[in-house]
């Protein structure tokens, strides 16, 4: 078994020709959030990965084996719950409010400009539909936020670990819940499903 104990976020500093020769390793999110795991790369080599505690591997990251060989990580597509705003019955602000409530529940969440992605959960799906959001399931790579205070946080897509040092806390508690129950008298019952285009009757 080949030992791997070094991670280069997005292969930073490596020449493209080296990356083209590298083996590949396809991993789902459950494995990529672990600092220690066994795997087999595209060349059939058995790998024992031992990274610093708390390390998160992102799609596009490069692992370095003890013999100096490189392995490019590919984020394996998996079933994710995709949440979008409903143009007919809500607004894009609904996504922001949903992210707030999901964050309060410590849900692993991927933020995109037009949608949220999370691991499937029927209870959360019902809650989101009652907030007038369109919920569906799709097959996609899952790259949730690392958290603003994670060491070397590689927040969001593909681990852009810029380390700006902002902290993004700004001292604001941002407790903008405002009692937003937002039922609006709509009958968004748990059994109600928003389809494509959200063309349902109210």
C-alpha atoms as a PDB file:
ATOM      1  CA  UNK A   1       0.000   0.000   0.000  1.00  0.00           C
ATOM      2  CA  UNK A   2       1.267   3.443  -0.963  1.00  0.00           C
ATOM      3  CA  UNK A   3       1.093   6.051   1.797  1.00  0.00           C
ATOM      4  CA  UNK A   4      -0.264   9.520   1.008  1.00  0.00           C
ATOM      5  CA  UNK A   5       0.240  12.277   3.573  1.00  0.00           C
ATOM      6  CA  UNK A   6       0.352  15.509   1.588  1.00  0.00           C
ATOM      7  CA  UNK A   7      -2.421  17.549  -0.022  1.00  0.00           C
ATOM      8  CA  UNK A   8      -1.968  20.349  -2.557  1.00  0.00           C
ATOM      9  CA  UNK A   9      -5.217  22.374  -2.837  1.00  0.00           C
ATOM     10  CA  UNK A  10      -6.159  22.517  -6.518  1.00  0.00           C
ATOM     11  CA  UNK A  11      -2.632  21.360  -7.414  1.00  0.00           C
ATOM     12  CA  UNK A  12      -1.311  24.839  -6.711  1.00  0.00           C
ATOM     13  CA  UNK A  13       2.226  25.342  -7.931  1.00  0.00           C
ATOM     14  CA  UNK A  14       2.283  22.242 -10.120  1.00  0.00           C
ATOM     15  CA  UNK A  15       2.982  22.404 -13.845  1.00  0.00           C
ATOM     16  CA  UNK A  16       0.057  21.343 -16.034  1.00  0.00           C
ATOM     17  CA  UNK A  17       2.179  18.650 -17.678  1.00  0.00           C
ATOM     18  CA  UNK A  18       2.652  16.984 -14.284  1.00  0.00           C
ATOM     19  CA  UNK A  19      -1.079  17.076 -13.612  1.00  0.00           C
ATOM     20  CA  UNK A  20      -1.795  15.514 -17.007  1.00  0.00           C
ATOM     21  CA  UNK A  21       0.371  12.532 -16.063  1.00  0.00           C
ATOM     22  CA  UNK A  22      -1.128  12.141 -12.603  1.00  0.00           C
ATOM     23  CA  UNK A  23      -3.354   9.252 -11.647  1.00  0.00           C
ATOM     24  CA  UNK A  24      -6.971  10.009 -10.708  1.00  0.00           C
ATOM     25  CA  UNK A  25      -8.934   9.157  -7.610  1.00  0.00           C
ATOM     26  CA  UNK A  26     -12.721   9.525  -7.556  1.00  0.00           C
ATOM     27  CA  UNK A  27     -14.182  10.047  -4.084  1.00  0.00           C
ATOM     28  CA  UNK A  28     -17.617  10.913  -2.714  1.00  0.00           C
ATOM     29  CA  UNK A  29     -18.128  13.605  -0.091  1.00  0.00           C
ATOM     30  CA  UNK A  30     -18.404  11.136   2.767  1.00  0.00           C
ATOM     31  CA  UNK A  31     -14.835   9.986   2.097  1.00  0.00           C
ATOM     32  CA  UNK A  32     -13.405  13.394   1.170  1.00  0.00           C
ATOM     33  CA  UNK A  33     -14.301  14.870   4.566  1.00  0.00           C
ATOM     34  CA  UNK A  34     -12.186  12.237   6.342  1.00  0.00           C
ATOM     35  CA  UNK A  35      -8.507  12.744   7.066  1.00  0.00           C
ATOM     36  CA  UNK A  36      -7.730   9.015   6.981  1.00  0.00           C
ATOM     37  CA  UNK A  37      -9.046   6.518   4.458  1.00  0.00           C
ATOM     38  CA  UNK A  38      -7.999   3.752   2.072  1.00  0.00           C
ATOM     39  CA  UNK A  39      -8.655   3.939  -1.665  1.00  0.00           C
ATOM     40  CA  UNK A  40      -7.464   2.726  -5.055  1.00  0.00           C
ATOM     41  CA  UNK A  41      -6.428   5.138  -7.813  1.00  0.00           C
ATOM     42  CA  UNK A  42      -6.951   4.917 -11.577  1.00  0.00           C
ATOM     43  CA  UNK A  43      -3.677   2.982 -11.903  1.00  0.00           C
ATOM     44  CA  UNK A  44      -4.959   0.317  -9.540  1.00  0.00           C
ATOM     45  CA  UNK A  45      -2.605   1.246  -6.716  1.00  0.00           C
ATOM     46  CA  UNK A  46      -3.819   0.768  -3.147  1.00  0.00           C
ATOM     47  CA  UNK A  47      -3.510   4.037  -1.242  1.00  0.00           C
ATOM     48  CA  UNK A  48      -3.469   4.700   2.479  1.00  0.00           C
ATOM     49  CA  UNK A  49      -4.318   8.370   2.949  1.00  0.00           C
ATOM     50  CA  UNK A  50      -3.166  10.012   6.191  1.00  0.00           C
ATOM     51  CA  UNK A  51      -3.803  13.760   6.198  1.00  0.00           C
ATOM     52  CA  UNK A  52      -3.720  16.278   9.072  1.00  0.00           C
ATOM     53  CA  UNK A  53      -6.759  15.999  11.317  1.00  0.00           C
ATOM     54  CA  UNK A  54      -9.646  18.114  10.045  1.00  0.00           C
ATOM     55  CA  UNK A  55      -8.383  18.123   6.453  1.00  0.00           C
ATOM     56  CA  UNK A  56     -11.055  18.159   3.741  1.00  0.00           C
ATOM     57  CA  UNK A  57     -10.303  16.950   0.224  1.00  0.00           C
ATOM     58  CA  UNK A  58     -11.967  18.859  -2.633  1.00  0.00           C
ATOM     59  CA  UNK A  59     -12.440  17.936  -6.254  1.00  0.00           C
ATOM     60  CA  UNK A  60      -9.357  19.182  -8.119  1.00  0.00           C
ATOM     61  CA  UNK A  61      -7.037  18.799  -5.125  1.00  0.00           C
ATOM     62  CA  UNK A  62      -3.849  16.810  -5.649  1.00  0.00           C
ATOM     63  CA  UNK A  63      -2.575  14.165  -3.257  1.00  0.00           C
ATOM     64  CA  UNK A  64       1.168  13.469  -3.078  1.00  0.00           C
ATOM     65  CA  UNK A  65       2.276   9.902  -2.325  1.00  0.00           C
ATOM     66  CA  UNK A  66       5.402   8.947  -0.395  1.00  0.00           C
ATOM     67  CA  UNK A  67       7.165   8.071  -3.669  1.00  0.00           C
ATOM     68  CA  UNK A  68       6.464  11.563  -5.043  1.00  0.00           C
ATOM     69  CA  UNK A  69       3.722  10.459  -7.425  1.00  0.00           C
ATOM     70  CA  UNK A  70       0.662  12.662  -7.834  1.00  0.00           C
ATOM     71  CA  UNK A  71      -3.018  11.715  -7.635  1.00  0.00           C
ATOM     72  CA  UNK A  72      -5.692  14.169  -8.761  1.00  0.00           C
ATOM     73  CA  UNK A  73      -8.940  13.935  -6.814  1.00  0.00           C
ATOM     74  CA  UNK A  74     -12.249  13.936  -8.681  1.00  0.00           C
ATOM     75  CA  UNK A  75     -15.438  14.698  -6.764  1.00  0.00           C
ATOM     76  CA  UNK A  76     -17.766  11.784  -7.427  1.00  0.00           C
ATOM     77  CA  UNK A  77     -21.266  12.828  -8.486  1.00  0.00           C
ATOM     78  CA  UNK A  78     -23.840  11.804  -5.895  1.00  0.00           C
ATOM     79  CA  UNK A  79     -27.492  12.383  -5.194  1.00  0.00           C
ATOM     80  CA  UNK A  80     -27.961  15.865  -3.765  1.00  0.00           C
ATOM     81  CA  UNK A  81     -31.022  17.848  -2.834  1.00  0.00           C
ATOM     82  CA  UNK A  82     -31.161  21.025  -4.914  1.00  0.00           C
ATOM     83  CA  UNK A  83     -33.095  24.037  -3.590  1.00  0.00           C
ATOM     84  CA  UNK A  84     -34.124  26.897  -5.881  1.00  0.00           C
ATOM     85  CA  UNK A  85     -36.258  29.993  -5.450  1.00  0.00           C
ATOM     86  CA  UNK A  86     -39.801  29.902  -6.842  1.00  0.00           C
ATOM     87  CA  UNK A  87     -40.244  32.914  -9.122  1.00  0.00           C
ATOM     88  CA  UNK A  88     -44.039  32.559  -9.014  1.00  0.00           C
ATOM     89  CA  UNK A  89     -44.544  32.401  -5.241  1.00  0.00           C
ATOM     90  CA  UNK A  90     -41.357  33.831  -3.753  1.00  0.00           C
ATOM     91  CA  UNK A  91     -38.095  35.637  -4.470  1.00  0.00           C
ATOM     92  CA  UNK A  92     -34.334  34.939  -4.485  1.00  0.00           C
ATOM     93  CA  UNK A  93     -34.277  36.211  -0.893  1.00  0.00           C
ATOM     94  CA  UNK A  94     -36.011  32.961   0.097  1.00  0.00           C
ATOM     95  CA  UNK A  95     -32.743  31.132  -0.653  1.00  0.00           C
ATOM     96  CA  UNK A  96     -30.862  33.394   1.751  1.00  0.00           C
ATOM     97  CA  UNK A  97     -33.435  32.766   4.452  1.00  0.00           C
ATOM     98  CA  UNK A  98     -33.241  29.009   3.816  1.00  0.00           C
ATOM     99  CA  UNK A  99     -29.440  29.071   4.106  1.00  0.00           C
ATOM    100  CA  UNK A 100     -29.815  30.839   7.459  1.00  0.00           C
ATOM    101  CA  UNK A 101     -32.181  28.192   8.828  1.00  0.00           C
ATOM    102  CA  UNK A 102     -30.118  25.299   7.473  1.00  0.00           C
ATOM    103  CA  UNK A 103     -26.984  26.839   8.958  1.00  0.00           C
ATOM    104  CA  UNK A 104     -28.696  26.951  12.350  1.00  0.00           C
ATOM    105  CA  UNK A 105     -29.159  23.193  12.002  1.00  0.00           C
ATOM    106  CA  UNK A 106     -25.469  22.720  11.118  1.00  0.00           C
ATOM    107  CA  UNK A 107     -26.385  21.151   7.795  1.00  0.00           C
ATOM    108  CA  UNK A 108     -23.524  20.603   5.344  1.00  0.00           C
ATOM    109  CA  UNK A 109     -24.510  23.086   2.641  1.00  0.00           C
ATOM    110  CA  UNK A 110     -23.132  24.041  -0.756  1.00  0.00           C
ATOM    111  CA  UNK A 111     -23.875  27.601  -1.794  1.00  0.00           C
ATOM    112  CA  UNK A 112     -24.377  28.509  -5.445  1.00  0.00           C
ATOM    113  CA  UNK A 113     -25.533  31.868  -6.851  1.00  0.00           C
ATOM    114  CA  UNK A 114     -28.887  30.408  -7.930  1.00  0.00           C
ATOM    115  CA  UNK A 115     -29.365  27.423  -5.632  1.00  0.00           C
ATOM    116  CA  UNK A 116     -28.404  25.531  -2.482  1.00  0.00           C
ATOM    117  CA  UNK A 117     -27.251  21.914  -2.446  1.00  0.00           C
ATOM    118  CA  UNK A 118     -27.339  19.518   0.476  1.00  0.00           C
ATOM    119  CA  UNK A 119     -27.545  15.826   1.171  1.00  0.00           C
ATOM    120  CA  UNK A 120     -31.062  14.374   0.797  1.00  0.00           C
ATOM    121  CA  UNK A 121     -33.268  14.682   3.876  1.00  0.00           C
ATOM    122  CA  UNK A 122     -37.047  14.399   3.569  1.00  0.00           C
ATOM    123  CA  UNK A 123     -37.708  16.391   6.758  1.00  0.00           C
ATOM    124  CA  UNK A 124     -35.621  19.308   5.501  1.00  0.00           C
ATOM    125  CA  UNK A 125     -37.214  18.969   2.067  1.00  0.00           C
ATOM    126  CA  UNK A 126     -40.670  19.422   3.605  1.00  0.00           C
ATOM    127  CA  UNK A 127     -39.487  22.441   5.598  1.00  0.00           C
ATOM    128  CA  UNK A 128     -38.003  24.070   2.492  1.00  0.00           C
ATOM    129  CA  UNK A 129     -41.132  23.481   0.419  1.00  0.00           C
ATOM    130  CA  UNK A 130     -43.191  25.171   3.118  1.00  0.00           C
ATOM    131  CA  UNK A 131     -40.856  28.155   2.689  1.00  0.00           C
ATOM    132  CA  UNK A 132     -42.029  28.350  -0.965  1.00  0.00           C
ATOM    133  CA  UNK A 133     -38.839  26.889  -2.403  1.00  0.00           C
ATOM    134  CA  UNK A 134     -38.511  24.369  -5.225  1.00  0.00           C
ATOM    135  CA  UNK A 135     -36.808  21.175  -4.046  1.00  0.00           C
ATOM    136  CA  UNK A 136     -35.522  18.453  -6.356  1.00  0.00           C
ATOM    137  CA  UNK A 137     -32.871  15.755  -6.391  1.00  0.00           C
ATOM    138  CA  UNK A 138     -30.027  15.698  -8.890  1.00  0.00           C
ATOM    139  CA  UNK A 139     -26.768  13.860  -9.466  1.00  0.00           C
ATOM    140  CA  UNK A 140     -23.880  16.276  -8.897  1.00  0.00           C
ATOM    141  CA  UNK A 141     -20.526  16.705  -7.182  1.00  0.00           C
ATOM    142  CA  UNK A 142     -21.061  17.910  -3.615  1.00  0.00           C
ATOM    143  CA  UNK A 143     -18.706  20.604  -2.272  1.00  0.00           C
ATOM    144  CA  UNK A 144     -20.247  22.064   0.902  1.00  0.00           C
ATOM    145  CA  UNK A 145     -18.871  25.069   2.737  1.00  0.00           C
ATOM    146  CA  UNK A 146     -16.066  24.309   5.183  1.00  0.00           C
ATOM    147  CA  UNK A 147     -17.160  26.907   7.711  1.00  0.00           C
ATOM    148  CA  UNK A 148     -15.775  30.378   8.295  1.00  0.00           C
ATOM    149  CA  UNK A 149     -13.684  29.331  11.275  1.00  0.00           C
ATOM    150  CA  UNK A 150     -12.301  26.033   9.972  1.00  0.00           C
ATOM    151  CA  UNK A 151      -8.517  25.901   9.902  1.00  0.00           C
ATOM    152  CA  UNK A 152      -7.445  26.815   6.389  1.00  0.00           C
ATOM    153  CA  UNK A 153     -11.089  26.835   5.398  1.00  0.00           C
ATOM    154  CA  UNK A 154     -11.454  26.086   1.724  1.00  0.00           C
ATOM    155  CA  UNK A 155     -14.935  27.469   1.515  1.00  0.00           C
ATOM    156  CA  UNK A 156     -17.239  26.566  -1.290  1.00  0.00           C
ATOM    157  CA  UNK A 157     -16.323  25.385  -4.707  1.00  0.00           C
ATOM    158  CA  UNK A 158     -13.277  23.230  -5.127  1.00  0.00           C
ATOM    159  CA  UNK A 159     -11.543  24.537  -2.042  1.00  0.00           C
ATOM    160  CA  UNK A 160     -10.528  28.049  -2.968  1.00  0.00           C
ATOM    161  CA  UNK A 161      -8.449  28.422   0.186  1.00  0.00           C
ATOM    162  CA  UNK A 162      -7.646  32.097  -0.187  1.00  0.00           C
ATOM    163  CA  UNK A 163      -7.239  32.733   3.546  1.00  0.00           C
ATOM    164  CA  UNK A 164      -8.088  36.423   3.296  1.00  0.00           C
ATOM    165  CA  UNK A 165      -8.035  36.773   7.043  1.00  0.00           C
ATOM    166  CA  UNK A 166     -11.360  38.618   7.004  1.00  0.00           C
ATOM    167  CA  UNK A 167     -12.965  36.172   9.388  1.00  0.00           C
ATOM    168  CA  UNK A 168     -16.186  37.399   7.792  1.00  0.00           C
ATOM    169  CA  UNK A 169     -17.617  37.796  11.254  1.00  0.00           C
ATOM    170  CA  UNK A 170     -17.580  41.611  11.136  1.00  0.00           C
ATOM    171  CA  UNK A 171     -18.959  41.592  14.664  1.00  0.00           C
ATOM    172  CA  UNK A 172     -22.521  41.448  13.347  1.00  0.00           C
ATOM    173  CA  UNK A 173     -24.722  38.840  14.932  1.00  0.00           C
ATOM    174  CA  UNK A 174     -26.983  39.029  11.845  1.00  0.00           C
ATOM    175  CA  UNK A 175     -29.897  37.581  13.728  1.00  0.00           C
ATOM    176  CA  UNK A 176     -32.310  38.454  10.950  1.00  0.00           C
ATOM    177  CA  UNK A 177     -34.906  35.839  11.741  1.00  0.00           C
ATOM    178  CA  UNK A 178     -37.627  38.503  12.291  1.00  0.00           C
ATOM    179  CA  UNK A 179     -40.083  35.697  13.015  1.00  0.00           C
ATOM    180  CA  UNK A 180     -40.288  34.900   9.306  1.00  0.00           C
ATOM    181  CA  UNK A 181     -42.806  32.118   9.453  1.00  0.00           C
ATOM    182  CA  UNK A 182     -43.938  33.115   5.935  1.00  0.00           C
ATOM    183  CA  UNK A 183     -46.900  30.808   5.709  1.00  0.00           C
ATOM    184  CA  UNK A 184     -48.797  33.400   3.626  1.00  0.00           C
ATOM    185  CA  UNK A 185     -51.890  31.248   3.925  1.00  0.00           C
ATOM    186  CA  UNK A 186     -50.507  28.970   1.188  1.00  0.00           C
ATOM    187  CA  UNK A 187     -51.238  25.300   1.538  1.00  0.00           C
ATOM    188  CA  UNK A 188     -47.640  24.154   1.117  1.00  0.00           C
ATOM    189  CA  UNK A 189     -48.304  20.941   2.975  1.00  0.00           C
ATOM    190  CA  UNK A 190     -45.454  18.446   3.461  1.00  0.00           C
ATOM    191  CA  UNK A 191     -46.928  16.322   0.708  1.00  0.00           C
ATOM    192  CA  UNK A 192     -46.896  19.194  -1.761  1.00  0.00           C
ATOM    193  CA  UNK A 193     -44.227  18.927  -4.444  1.00  0.00           C
ATOM    194  CA  UNK A 194     -42.989  21.852  -6.518  1.00  0.00           C
ATOM    195  CA  UNK A 195     -42.379  20.604 -10.018  1.00  0.00           C
ATOM    196  CA  UNK A 196     -40.300  22.216 -12.744  1.00  0.00           C
ATOM    197  CA  UNK A 197     -41.538  25.740 -13.261  1.00  0.00           C
ATOM    198  CA  UNK A 198     -43.612  25.543 -10.098  1.00  0.00           C
ATOM    199  CA  UNK A 199     -46.900  25.536 -12.078  1.00  0.00           C
ATOM    200  CA  UNK A 200     -49.226  24.609  -9.266  1.00  0.00           C
ATOM    201  CA  UNK A 201     -52.541  26.119  -8.300  1.00  0.00           C
ATOM    202  CA  UNK A 202     -53.188  28.168  -5.158  1.00  0.00           C
END
